[in-house]
Amino acid sequence: MLAKLMSMFLLGLIRILTGSQARWLGCPPKAEQRIYFANHQSHADLVMIWAALPLELRSVTRAIAAKDYWTKTPFKQWLTSAVFNVIYVSRDRTSDEDPLEPLFEALSNGDSIILFPEGTRGFTGTPQAFKAGLYNLAVKCPNAVLVPTWINNVQHVLPKGEVVPVPVLCSVTFGKPITLGEGEDRHAFLERARNAVIALRNA
């Protein structure tokens, strides 16, 4: 019950602060398994996409979150697990655990996921090179629809180092799905996926 109340509060807050405009330019909101892959400039990115999705999609779509950061305090862990139902991934390079294994498990269970292929936040306005995770997911989960997504202006809502958000009009644009070409090289696919996200910036 508390998690549901927090969910409603955050949904209202993010819509007041940002307008939370969802722009479905390349595909309609549809109940199918998807991998939304987006640019990453703020901790608020997760909440922006979550708020932009219709309720029926929000309930089956899980974001990826860094385990070391989002489990650092009991409140952060409760927020991300109970309210957002995120998938924790490890950034510990010394671990034998495959960081993508929790994602494969979620997809095998029928969930959709929100992925930030840069792996970390960028601050130049243009996404950094995409890491291999998106390619590996496309190879192993070919039935998941790959939807490029552009989050606009959210870095000004919660700038790095700040804890108090400020009202700024933001939007989330969902583009035309892409597919992994037969025999397509990993680097070529990742660059094409990155360009599909960047193309939405001025759409």
N, C-alpha and C. Protein backbone atom coordinates (compact mmCIF):
# COMPACT_ATOMS: atom_id res chain seq x y z
N MET A 1 0.83 -1.20 0.00
CA MET A 1 0.00 0.00 0.00
C MET A 1 0.87 1.26 0.00
N LEU A 2 1.92 1.26 0.84
CA LEU A 2 2.81 2.41 0.91
C LEU A 2 3.51 2.62 -0.42
N ALA A 3 3.93 1.51 -1.04
CA ALA A 3 4.61 1.61 -2.34
C ALA A 3 3.67 2.20 -3.40
N LYS A 4 2.41 1.82 -3.37
CA LYS A 4 1.44 2.34 -4.33
C LYS A 4 1.21 3.84 -4.12
N LEU A 5 1.13 4.26 -2.86
CA LEU A 5 0.97 5.68 -2.57
C LEU A 5 2.18 6.49 -3.03
N MET A 6 3.38 5.93 -2.80
CA MET A 6 4.59 6.60 -3.25
C MET A 6 4.63 6.68 -4.77
N SER A 7 4.18 5.63 -5.43
CA SER A 7 4.12 5.62 -6.89
C SER A 7 3.22 6.73 -7.40
N MET A 8 2.05 6.89 -6.80
CA MET A 8 1.11 7.93 -7.21
C MET A 8 1.67 9.32 -6.93
N PHE A 9 2.35 9.47 -5.79
CA PHE A 9 2.96 10.75 -5.44
C PHE A 9 4.04 11.13 -6.45
N LEU A 10 4.92 10.20 -6.77
CA LEU A 10 6.02 10.48 -7.70
C LEU A 10 5.50 10.76 -9.10
N LEU A 11 4.47 10.02 -9.50
CA LEU A 11 3.89 10.25 -10.81
C LEU A 11 3.33 11.67 -10.91
N GLY A 12 2.62 12.09 -9.86
CA GLY A 12 2.10 13.46 -9.85
C GLY A 12 3.20 14.49 -9.81
N LEU A 13 4.23 14.24 -9.00
CA LEU A 13 5.34 15.19 -8.87
C LEU A 13 6.08 15.37 -10.17
N ILE A 14 6.40 14.26 -10.84
CA ILE A 14 7.18 14.37 -12.07
C ILE A 14 6.38 15.05 -13.17
N ARG A 15 5.06 14.87 -13.15
CA ARG A 15 4.23 15.54 -14.15
C ARG A 15 4.12 17.03 -13.88
N ILE A 16 4.10 17.41 -12.61
CA ILE A 16 4.07 18.83 -12.25
C ILE A 16 5.40 19.49 -12.61
N LEU A 17 6.50 18.81 -12.30
CA LEU A 17 7.83 19.40 -12.51
C LEU A 17 8.22 19.45 -13.98
N THR A 18 7.80 18.45 -14.76
CA THR A 18 8.33 18.33 -16.13
C THR A 18 7.27 18.36 -17.21
N GLY A 19 6.03 18.20 -16.86
CA GLY A 19 5.00 18.06 -17.89
C GLY A 19 4.91 16.63 -18.39
N SER A 20 6.02 15.90 -18.29
CA SER A 20 6.08 14.48 -18.63
C SER A 20 5.38 14.17 -19.95
N GLN A 21 5.81 14.86 -21.00
CA GLN A 21 5.19 14.67 -22.31
C GLN A 21 5.73 13.42 -22.98
N ALA A 22 4.85 12.51 -23.35
CA ALA A 22 5.23 11.32 -24.10
C ALA A 22 4.93 11.54 -25.57
N ARG A 23 5.93 11.35 -26.42
CA ARG A 23 5.77 11.54 -27.86
C ARG A 23 6.05 10.21 -28.56
N TRP A 24 5.00 9.57 -29.04
CA TRP A 24 5.12 8.27 -29.71
C TRP A 24 5.21 8.51 -31.21
N LEU A 25 6.43 8.77 -31.70
CA LEU A 25 6.59 9.14 -33.11
C LEU A 25 6.80 7.93 -34.02
N GLY A 26 7.47 6.92 -33.52
CA GLY A 26 7.82 5.79 -34.39
C GLY A 26 7.04 4.53 -34.11
N CYS A 27 6.31 4.52 -33.01
CA CYS A 27 5.53 3.34 -32.64
C CYS A 27 4.48 3.75 -31.62
N PRO A 28 3.35 3.06 -31.58
CA PRO A 28 2.34 3.38 -30.58
C PRO A 28 2.65 2.67 -29.27
N PRO A 29 2.10 3.13 -28.15
CA PRO A 29 2.23 2.36 -26.91
C PRO A 29 1.48 1.05 -27.10
N LYS A 30 2.16 -0.05 -26.95
CA LYS A 30 1.58 -1.35 -27.29
C LYS A 30 2.03 -2.40 -26.28
N ALA A 31 1.12 -3.30 -25.94
CA ALA A 31 1.43 -4.36 -24.97
C ALA A 31 2.19 -5.49 -25.66
N GLU A 32 3.48 -5.25 -25.89
CA GLU A 32 4.38 -6.26 -26.44
C GLU A 32 5.70 -6.13 -25.69
N GLN A 33 6.49 -7.17 -25.72
CA GLN A 33 7.75 -7.11 -24.99
C GLN A 33 8.73 -6.19 -25.72
N ARG A 34 9.24 -5.21 -24.98
CA ARG A 34 10.12 -4.23 -25.59
C ARG A 34 11.37 -4.00 -24.74
N ILE A 35 12.40 -3.54 -25.43
CA ILE A 35 13.59 -3.00 -24.78
C ILE A 35 13.67 -1.53 -25.20
N TYR A 36 13.35 -0.64 -24.27
CA TYR A 36 13.47 0.79 -24.53
C TYR A 36 14.91 1.18 -24.21
N PHE A 37 15.65 1.67 -25.18
CA PHE A 37 17.04 2.08 -24.92
C PHE A 37 17.17 3.58 -25.16
N ALA A 38 17.75 4.26 -24.17
CA ALA A 38 17.68 5.72 -24.14
C ALA A 38 19.00 6.38 -23.77
N ASN A 39 19.09 7.68 -24.05
CA ASN A 39 20.21 8.49 -23.56
C ASN A 39 20.11 8.61 -22.05
N HIS A 40 21.24 8.93 -21.42
CA HIS A 40 21.29 8.92 -19.95
C HIS A 40 22.07 10.14 -19.45
N GLN A 41 21.33 11.09 -18.82
CA GLN A 41 21.99 12.30 -18.32
C GLN A 41 21.65 12.62 -16.88
N SER A 42 20.74 11.86 -16.27
CA SER A 42 20.30 12.21 -14.92
C SER A 42 19.76 10.97 -14.23
N HIS A 43 19.80 10.99 -12.89
CA HIS A 43 19.16 9.92 -12.12
C HIS A 43 17.64 9.94 -12.33
N ALA A 44 17.12 11.07 -12.82
CA ALA A 44 15.68 11.19 -13.05
C ALA A 44 15.24 10.53 -14.36
N ASP A 45 16.19 10.07 -15.17
CA ASP A 45 15.84 9.45 -16.45
C ASP A 45 14.89 8.28 -16.27
N LEU A 46 15.19 7.44 -15.31
CA LEU A 46 14.37 6.26 -15.02
C LEU A 46 12.92 6.68 -14.76
N VAL A 47 12.75 7.70 -13.91
CA VAL A 47 11.42 8.14 -13.53
C VAL A 47 10.70 8.78 -14.72
N MET A 48 11.44 9.48 -15.57
CA MET A 48 10.83 10.13 -16.72
C MET A 48 10.19 9.11 -17.66
N ILE A 49 10.93 8.05 -18.01
CA ILE A 49 10.37 7.04 -18.91
C ILE A 49 9.22 6.32 -18.23
N TRP A 50 9.41 5.99 -16.97
CA TRP A 50 8.36 5.31 -16.20
C TRP A 50 7.07 6.13 -16.21
N ALA A 51 7.18 7.43 -16.00
CA ALA A 51 6.00 8.30 -15.96
C ALA A 51 5.38 8.49 -17.34
N ALA A 52 6.19 8.39 -18.39
CA ALA A 52 5.70 8.60 -19.75
C ALA A 52 4.91 7.40 -20.28
N LEU A 53 5.13 6.23 -19.69
CA LEU A 53 4.44 5.03 -20.16
C LEU A 53 3.01 4.98 -19.63
N PRO A 54 2.07 4.48 -20.42
CA PRO A 54 0.71 4.26 -19.90
C PRO A 54 0.76 3.23 -18.77
N LEU A 55 -0.24 3.26 -17.91
CA LEU A 55 -0.27 2.39 -16.75
C LEU A 55 -0.09 0.92 -17.11
N GLU A 56 -0.76 0.47 -18.17
CA GLU A 56 -0.70 -0.95 -18.51
C GLU A 56 0.68 -1.38 -18.97
N LEU A 57 1.48 -0.43 -19.50
CA LEU A 57 2.86 -0.75 -19.89
C LEU A 57 3.81 -0.55 -18.70
N ARG A 58 3.51 0.45 -17.88
CA ARG A 58 4.36 0.74 -16.72
C ARG A 58 4.46 -0.46 -15.79
N SER A 59 3.37 -1.20 -15.66
CA SER A 59 3.33 -2.31 -14.71
C SER A 59 4.16 -3.51 -15.15
N VAL A 60 4.53 -3.57 -16.45
CA VAL A 60 5.30 -4.71 -16.94
C VAL A 60 6.66 -4.29 -17.48
N THR A 61 7.05 -3.04 -17.20
CA THR A 61 8.32 -2.52 -17.70
C THR A 61 9.25 -2.21 -16.54
N ARG A 62 10.45 -2.77 -16.59
CA ARG A 62 11.40 -2.63 -15.49
C ARG A 62 12.67 -1.94 -15.96
N ALA A 63 13.13 -0.98 -15.19
CA ALA A 63 14.36 -0.27 -15.52
C ALA A 63 15.57 -0.99 -14.93
N ILE A 64 16.72 -0.69 -15.51
CA ILE A 64 17.99 -1.23 -15.02
C ILE A 64 18.60 -0.21 -14.07
N ALA A 65 19.12 -0.67 -12.94
CA ALA A 65 19.72 0.24 -11.96
C ALA A 65 21.00 -0.37 -11.39
N ALA A 66 21.99 0.47 -11.17
CA ALA A 66 23.26 0.01 -10.63
C ALA A 66 23.08 -0.41 -9.17
N LYS A 67 23.39 -1.65 -8.89
CA LYS A 67 23.17 -2.21 -7.56
C LYS A 67 23.94 -1.48 -6.48
N ASP A 68 25.20 -1.12 -6.75
CA ASP A 68 26.04 -0.50 -5.72
C ASP A 68 25.49 0.87 -5.30
N TYR A 69 24.88 1.61 -6.25
CA TYR A 69 24.37 2.94 -5.93
C TYR A 69 22.97 2.88 -5.32
N TRP A 70 22.08 2.11 -5.94
CA TRP A 70 20.68 2.14 -5.55
C TRP A 70 20.32 1.23 -4.37
N THR A 71 21.31 0.52 -3.84
CA THR A 71 21.08 -0.23 -2.59
C THR A 71 21.93 0.32 -1.46
N LYS A 72 22.48 1.50 -1.68
CA LYS A 72 23.41 2.09 -0.70
C LYS A 72 22.72 2.45 0.61
N THR A 73 21.44 2.84 0.54
CA THR A 73 20.67 3.16 1.75
C THR A 73 19.37 2.37 1.72
N PRO A 74 18.78 2.09 2.87
CA PRO A 74 17.50 1.36 2.90
C PRO A 74 16.40 2.06 2.10
N PHE A 75 16.38 3.40 2.13
CA PHE A 75 15.32 4.11 1.40
C PHE A 75 15.50 3.95 -0.11
N LYS A 76 16.73 4.11 -0.60
CA LYS A 76 16.98 3.94 -2.03
C LYS A 76 16.60 2.53 -2.49
N GLN A 77 16.95 1.56 -1.67
CA GLN A 77 16.64 0.18 -2.03
C GLN A 77 15.13 -0.06 -2.03
N TRP A 78 14.44 0.48 -1.03
CA TRP A 78 12.99 0.32 -0.99
C TRP A 78 12.33 1.01 -2.19
N LEU A 79 12.78 2.23 -2.48
CA LEU A 79 12.21 3.00 -3.58
C LEU A 79 12.35 2.26 -4.90
N THR A 80 13.55 1.78 -5.17
CA THR A 80 13.80 1.14 -6.46
C THR A 80 13.21 -0.26 -6.56
N SER A 81 13.15 -0.96 -5.45
CA SER A 81 12.63 -2.33 -5.50
C SER A 81 11.11 -2.38 -5.34
N ALA A 82 10.58 -1.68 -4.34
CA ALA A 82 9.14 -1.76 -4.05
C ALA A 82 8.31 -0.87 -4.98
N VAL A 83 8.83 0.30 -5.33
CA VAL A 83 8.05 1.24 -6.15
C VAL A 83 8.29 1.03 -7.64
N PHE A 84 9.58 0.94 -8.03
CA PHE A 84 9.90 0.85 -9.45
C PHE A 84 10.19 -0.56 -9.94
N ASN A 85 10.36 -1.50 -9.02
CA ASN A 85 10.62 -2.89 -9.40
C ASN A 85 11.77 -3.00 -10.40
N VAL A 86 12.87 -2.32 -10.09
CA VAL A 86 14.00 -2.29 -11.02
C VAL A 86 14.73 -3.63 -11.06
N ILE A 87 15.59 -3.74 -12.05
CA ILE A 87 16.50 -4.89 -12.14
C ILE A 87 17.87 -4.39 -11.74
N TYR A 88 18.40 -4.90 -10.65
CA TYR A 88 19.73 -4.48 -10.21
C TYR A 88 20.80 -5.19 -11.03
N VAL A 89 21.80 -4.43 -11.44
CA VAL A 89 22.95 -5.01 -12.13
C VAL A 89 24.22 -4.59 -11.40
N SER A 90 25.19 -5.47 -11.41
CA SER A 90 26.45 -5.21 -10.72
C SER A 90 27.44 -4.52 -11.65
N ARG A 91 28.13 -3.51 -11.12
CA ARG A 91 29.18 -2.84 -11.88
C ARG A 91 30.56 -3.29 -11.41
N ASP A 92 30.59 -4.32 -10.58
CA ASP A 92 31.84 -4.85 -10.04
C ASP A 92 32.52 -5.72 -11.10
N ARG A 93 33.57 -5.19 -11.70
CA ARG A 93 34.26 -5.92 -12.77
C ARG A 93 35.03 -7.12 -12.26
N THR A 94 35.22 -7.22 -10.94
CA THR A 94 35.98 -8.35 -10.39
C THR A 94 35.07 -9.55 -10.11
N SER A 95 33.76 -9.34 -10.23
CA SER A 95 32.81 -10.42 -9.95
C SER A 95 32.73 -11.38 -11.12
N ASP A 96 32.48 -12.65 -10.82
CA ASP A 96 32.31 -13.66 -11.86
C ASP A 96 30.89 -13.64 -12.44
N GLU A 97 30.01 -12.89 -11.80
CA GLU A 97 28.61 -12.84 -12.23
C GLU A 97 28.48 -12.07 -13.54
N ASP A 98 27.72 -12.62 -14.49
CA ASP A 98 27.44 -11.93 -15.74
C ASP A 98 26.45 -10.81 -15.44
N PRO A 99 26.83 -9.54 -15.65
CA PRO A 99 25.94 -8.43 -15.30
C PRO A 99 24.63 -8.45 -16.10
N LEU A 100 24.62 -9.15 -17.23
CA LEU A 100 23.41 -9.20 -18.05
C LEU A 100 22.45 -10.30 -17.63
N GLU A 101 22.90 -11.21 -16.76
CA GLU A 101 22.05 -12.34 -16.39
C GLU A 101 20.70 -11.92 -15.81
N PRO A 102 20.64 -10.91 -14.92
CA PRO A 102 19.33 -10.48 -14.41
C PRO A 102 18.42 -9.93 -15.51
N LEU A 103 19.01 -9.35 -16.56
CA LEU A 103 18.22 -8.82 -17.67
C LEU A 103 17.64 -9.97 -18.50
N PHE A 104 18.48 -10.98 -18.77
CA PHE A 104 17.99 -12.15 -19.50
C PHE A 104 16.86 -12.82 -18.74
N GLU A 105 17.00 -12.88 -17.43
CA GLU A 105 15.98 -13.51 -16.61
C GLU A 105 14.66 -12.73 -16.68
N ALA A 106 14.76 -11.40 -16.59
CA ALA A 106 13.56 -10.57 -16.67
C ALA A 106 12.86 -10.72 -18.02
N LEU A 107 13.65 -10.74 -19.09
CA LEU A 107 13.08 -10.88 -20.42
C LEU A 107 12.47 -12.27 -20.61
N SER A 108 13.10 -13.28 -20.05
CA SER A 108 12.55 -14.63 -20.16
C SER A 108 11.24 -14.76 -19.40
N ASN A 109 11.03 -13.89 -18.41
CA ASN A 109 9.78 -13.89 -17.64
C ASN A 109 8.70 -13.05 -18.31
N GLY A 110 9.03 -12.44 -19.45
CA GLY A 110 8.04 -11.67 -20.19
C GLY A 110 8.04 -10.18 -19.92
N ASP A 111 8.95 -9.70 -19.07
CA ASP A 111 9.00 -8.26 -18.78
C ASP A 111 9.59 -7.49 -19.95
N SER A 112 9.22 -6.22 -20.04
CA SER A 112 9.93 -5.27 -20.89
C SER A 112 10.96 -4.57 -20.01
N ILE A 113 12.00 -3.99 -20.62
CA ILE A 113 13.02 -3.33 -19.82
C ILE A 113 13.39 -1.97 -20.40
N ILE A 114 13.92 -1.13 -19.51
CA ILE A 114 14.45 0.19 -19.89
C ILE A 114 15.96 0.12 -19.68
N LEU A 115 16.70 0.40 -20.74
CA LEU A 115 18.15 0.25 -20.71
C LEU A 115 18.82 1.56 -21.11
N PHE A 116 19.90 1.88 -20.43
CA PHE A 116 20.72 3.04 -20.79
C PHE A 116 22.06 2.50 -21.30
N PRO A 117 22.20 2.32 -22.61
CA PRO A 117 23.37 1.60 -23.17
C PRO A 117 24.71 2.29 -22.97
N GLU A 118 24.70 3.58 -22.60
CA GLU A 118 25.98 4.24 -22.34
C GLU A 118 26.65 3.67 -21.09
N GLY A 119 25.84 3.13 -20.19
CA GLY A 119 26.37 2.52 -18.98
C GLY A 119 26.56 3.50 -17.84
N THR A 120 26.67 4.77 -18.15
CA THR A 120 26.83 5.80 -17.13
C THR A 120 26.28 7.11 -17.68
N ARG A 121 26.05 8.07 -16.80
CA ARG A 121 25.49 9.34 -17.26
C ARG A 121 26.51 10.14 -18.06
N GLY A 122 26.00 10.81 -19.09
CA GLY A 122 26.83 11.71 -19.88
C GLY A 122 26.42 13.15 -19.62
N PHE A 123 27.29 14.09 -19.95
CA PHE A 123 27.00 15.49 -19.63
C PHE A 123 27.27 16.42 -20.81
N THR A 124 27.40 15.83 -22.02
CA THR A 124 27.69 16.66 -23.18
C THR A 124 26.44 16.93 -24.02
N GLY A 125 25.35 16.26 -23.73
CA GLY A 125 24.15 16.40 -24.54
C GLY A 125 24.04 15.37 -25.63
N THR A 126 25.19 14.80 -26.02
CA THR A 126 25.21 13.73 -27.04
C THR A 126 25.61 12.43 -26.37
N PRO A 127 24.85 11.36 -26.61
CA PRO A 127 25.17 10.09 -25.95
C PRO A 127 26.58 9.61 -26.23
N GLN A 128 27.20 9.03 -25.23
CA GLN A 128 28.50 8.40 -25.40
C GLN A 128 28.32 7.11 -26.21
N ALA A 129 29.45 6.50 -26.58
CA ALA A 129 29.38 5.23 -27.31
C ALA A 129 28.61 4.20 -26.49
N PHE A 130 27.77 3.41 -27.16
CA PHE A 130 27.00 2.39 -26.48
C PHE A 130 27.86 1.18 -26.15
N LYS A 131 27.64 0.62 -24.98
CA LYS A 131 28.35 -0.59 -24.57
C LYS A 131 27.66 -1.82 -25.18
N ALA A 132 28.30 -2.97 -25.04
CA ALA A 132 27.89 -4.17 -25.77
C ALA A 132 26.58 -4.78 -25.28
N GLY A 133 26.09 -4.37 -24.10
CA GLY A 133 24.92 -5.01 -23.52
C GLY A 133 23.71 -5.04 -24.44
N LEU A 134 23.41 -3.93 -25.11
CA LEU A 134 22.25 -3.87 -25.99
C LEU A 134 22.38 -4.88 -27.12
N TYR A 135 23.56 -4.99 -27.67
CA TYR A 135 23.80 -5.97 -28.75
C TYR A 135 23.59 -7.39 -28.25
N ASN A 136 24.13 -7.70 -27.08
CA ASN A 136 24.00 -9.05 -26.54
C ASN A 136 22.54 -9.40 -26.25
N LEU A 137 21.78 -8.42 -25.78
CA LEU A 137 20.36 -8.65 -25.54
C LEU A 137 19.62 -8.87 -26.86
N ALA A 138 19.97 -8.11 -27.89
CA ALA A 138 19.33 -8.26 -29.19
C ALA A 138 19.61 -9.63 -29.79
N VAL A 139 20.81 -10.14 -29.55
CA VAL A 139 21.18 -11.47 -30.07
C VAL A 139 20.42 -12.57 -29.34
N LYS A 140 20.39 -12.50 -28.02
CA LYS A 140 19.82 -13.58 -27.22
C LYS A 140 18.31 -13.48 -27.04
N CYS A 141 17.75 -12.30 -27.27
CA CYS A 141 16.30 -12.10 -27.08
C CYS A 141 15.71 -11.46 -28.34
N PRO A 142 15.72 -12.19 -29.45
CA PRO A 142 15.31 -11.59 -30.74
C PRO A 142 13.85 -11.20 -30.81
N ASN A 143 13.02 -11.71 -29.92
CA ASN A 143 11.59 -11.38 -29.97
C ASN A 143 11.25 -10.06 -29.28
N ALA A 144 12.19 -9.53 -28.52
CA ALA A 144 11.96 -8.25 -27.85
C ALA A 144 12.12 -7.11 -28.86
N VAL A 145 11.14 -6.21 -28.90
CA VAL A 145 11.16 -5.09 -29.84
C VAL A 145 12.08 -3.99 -29.29
N LEU A 146 13.03 -3.55 -30.11
CA LEU A 146 14.03 -2.56 -29.68
C LEU A 146 13.55 -1.16 -30.04
N VAL A 147 13.23 -0.36 -29.01
CA VAL A 147 12.64 0.97 -29.24
C VAL A 147 13.62 2.06 -28.80
N PRO A 148 14.18 2.83 -29.76
CA PRO A 148 15.04 3.96 -29.38
C PRO A 148 14.22 5.04 -28.69
N THR A 149 14.82 5.66 -27.69
CA THR A 149 14.09 6.62 -26.86
C THR A 149 14.98 7.81 -26.53
N TRP A 150 14.42 9.01 -26.67
CA TRP A 150 15.18 10.22 -26.35
C TRP A 150 14.50 10.95 -25.19
N ILE A 151 15.26 11.18 -24.12
CA ILE A 151 14.77 11.93 -22.97
C ILE A 151 15.31 13.35 -23.09
N ASN A 152 14.42 14.32 -23.20
CA ASN A 152 14.84 15.69 -23.46
C ASN A 152 14.76 16.57 -22.23
N ASN A 153 15.88 17.22 -21.91
CA ASN A 153 15.93 18.31 -20.93
C ASN A 153 15.93 17.88 -19.47
N VAL A 154 15.86 16.58 -19.19
CA VAL A 154 15.71 16.15 -17.80
C VAL A 154 16.95 16.45 -16.95
N GLN A 155 18.10 16.62 -17.58
CA GLN A 155 19.31 16.91 -16.81
C GLN A 155 19.22 18.23 -16.06
N HIS A 156 18.28 19.11 -16.51
CA HIS A 156 18.11 20.40 -15.82
C HIS A 156 17.13 20.31 -14.66
N VAL A 157 16.38 19.20 -14.59
CA VAL A 157 15.46 19.00 -13.47
C VAL A 157 16.23 18.62 -12.22
N LEU A 158 17.21 17.73 -12.39
CA LEU A 158 18.00 17.28 -11.26
C LEU A 158 19.47 17.28 -11.67
N PRO A 159 20.10 18.46 -11.68
CA PRO A 159 21.51 18.54 -12.08
C PRO A 159 22.41 17.72 -11.17
N LYS A 160 23.55 17.32 -11.70
CA LYS A 160 24.48 16.52 -10.92
C LYS A 160 24.86 17.25 -9.63
N GLY A 161 24.79 16.53 -8.52
CA GLY A 161 25.15 17.08 -7.23
C GLY A 161 24.00 17.73 -6.49
N GLU A 162 22.86 17.92 -7.16
CA GLU A 162 21.71 18.55 -6.53
C GLU A 162 20.73 17.49 -6.02
N VAL A 163 19.99 17.83 -4.99
CA VAL A 163 19.00 16.89 -4.45
C VAL A 163 17.58 17.45 -4.54
N VAL A 164 17.46 18.75 -4.83
CA VAL A 164 16.14 19.37 -4.95
C VAL A 164 15.84 19.62 -6.42
N PRO A 165 14.80 18.97 -6.98
CA PRO A 165 14.47 19.16 -8.39
C PRO A 165 13.87 20.54 -8.65
N VAL A 166 14.03 21.00 -9.89
CA VAL A 166 13.46 22.28 -10.28
C VAL A 166 12.54 22.06 -11.48
N PRO A 167 11.46 22.86 -11.61
CA PRO A 167 10.51 22.66 -12.71
C PRO A 167 11.13 23.02 -14.07
N VAL A 168 11.12 22.08 -14.99
CA VAL A 168 11.61 22.28 -16.34
C VAL A 168 10.75 21.41 -17.27
N LEU A 169 10.31 21.97 -18.38
CA LEU A 169 9.48 21.21 -19.31
C LEU A 169 10.34 20.15 -20.01
N CYS A 170 9.92 18.90 -19.92
CA CYS A 170 10.68 17.78 -20.48
C CYS A 170 9.77 16.91 -21.34
N SER A 171 10.37 16.05 -22.12
CA SER A 171 9.59 15.12 -22.92
C SER A 171 10.38 13.83 -23.12
N VAL A 172 9.64 12.78 -23.45
CA VAL A 172 10.24 11.49 -23.79
C VAL A 172 9.70 11.12 -25.17
N THR A 173 10.60 10.92 -26.12
CA THR A 173 10.21 10.58 -27.48
C THR A 173 10.56 9.14 -27.78
N PHE A 174 9.57 8.38 -28.23
CA PHE A 174 9.77 6.98 -28.58
C PHE A 174 9.81 6.88 -30.10
N GLY A 175 10.90 6.30 -30.61
CA GLY A 175 11.10 6.26 -32.05
C GLY A 175 10.70 4.94 -32.70
N LYS A 176 11.04 4.82 -33.96
CA LYS A 176 10.73 3.61 -34.73
C LYS A 176 11.65 2.48 -34.29
N PRO A 177 11.09 1.31 -33.99
CA PRO A 177 11.92 0.18 -33.56
C PRO A 177 12.98 -0.19 -34.59
N ILE A 178 14.09 -0.67 -34.10
CA ILE A 178 15.15 -1.17 -34.99
C ILE A 178 15.30 -2.67 -34.76
N THR A 179 15.93 -3.34 -35.69
CA THR A 179 16.19 -4.76 -35.55
C THR A 179 17.66 -5.03 -35.83
N LEU A 180 18.15 -6.10 -35.26
CA LEU A 180 19.52 -6.53 -35.52
C LEU A 180 19.55 -7.23 -36.86
N GLY A 181 20.39 -6.72 -37.77
CA GLY A 181 20.49 -7.32 -39.09
C GLY A 181 21.18 -8.68 -39.03
N GLU A 182 20.82 -9.55 -39.94
CA GLU A 182 21.44 -10.87 -39.99
C GLU A 182 22.94 -10.74 -40.24
N GLY A 183 23.72 -11.26 -39.30
CA GLY A 183 25.17 -11.20 -39.43
C GLY A 183 25.75 -9.82 -39.19
N GLU A 184 24.94 -8.88 -38.66
CA GLU A 184 25.43 -7.52 -38.46
C GLU A 184 26.50 -7.46 -37.39
N ASP A 185 27.55 -6.75 -37.66
CA ASP A 185 28.67 -6.58 -36.74
C ASP A 185 28.22 -5.82 -35.49
N ARG A 186 28.77 -6.18 -34.34
CA ARG A 186 28.39 -5.56 -33.07
C ARG A 186 28.60 -4.05 -33.10
N HIS A 187 29.76 -3.61 -33.56
CA HIS A 187 30.07 -2.18 -33.56
C HIS A 187 29.12 -1.41 -34.49
N ALA A 188 28.81 -2.01 -35.64
CA ALA A 188 27.91 -1.36 -36.59
C ALA A 188 26.50 -1.25 -36.00
N PHE A 189 26.05 -2.30 -35.33
CA PHE A 189 24.72 -2.27 -34.73
C PHE A 189 24.65 -1.23 -33.63
N LEU A 190 25.64 -1.18 -32.76
CA LEU A 190 25.62 -0.25 -31.64
C LEU A 190 25.68 1.20 -32.12
N GLU A 191 26.44 1.45 -33.17
CA GLU A 191 26.50 2.81 -33.71
C GLU A 191 25.16 3.17 -34.36
N ARG A 192 24.54 2.22 -35.04
CA ARG A 192 23.23 2.47 -35.65
C ARG A 192 22.17 2.72 -34.57
N ALA A 193 22.23 1.94 -33.48
CA ALA A 193 21.29 2.14 -32.38
C ALA A 193 21.49 3.51 -31.74
N ARG A 194 22.74 3.89 -31.54
CA ARG A 194 23.05 5.21 -30.96
C ARG A 194 22.52 6.33 -31.87
N ASN A 195 22.73 6.18 -33.17
CA ASN A 195 22.26 7.20 -34.11
C ASN A 195 20.73 7.28 -34.13
N ALA A 196 20.06 6.14 -33.90
CA ALA A 196 18.60 6.14 -33.86
C ALA A 196 18.09 6.94 -32.67
N VAL A 197 18.82 6.88 -31.55
CA VAL A 197 18.47 7.68 -30.38
C VAL A 197 18.74 9.16 -30.63
N ILE A 198 19.91 9.46 -31.17
CA ILE A 198 20.30 10.85 -31.42
C ILE A 198 19.33 11.51 -32.42
N ALA A 199 18.85 10.74 -33.39
CA ALA A 199 17.96 11.28 -34.43
C ALA A 199 16.65 11.80 -33.82
N LEU A 200 16.29 11.30 -32.65
CA LEU A 200 15.05 11.74 -32.01
C LEU A 200 15.20 13.07 -31.29
N ARG A 201 16.44 13.52 -31.12
CA ARG A 201 16.70 14.75 -30.38
C ARG A 201 15.96 15.95 -30.98
N ASN A 202 15.95 16.03 -32.29
CA ASN A 202 15.30 17.16 -32.96
C ASN A 202 14.05 16.76 -33.72
N ALA A 203 13.52 15.58 -33.39
CA ALA A 203 12.32 15.09 -34.10
C ALA A 203 11.08 15.84 -33.67
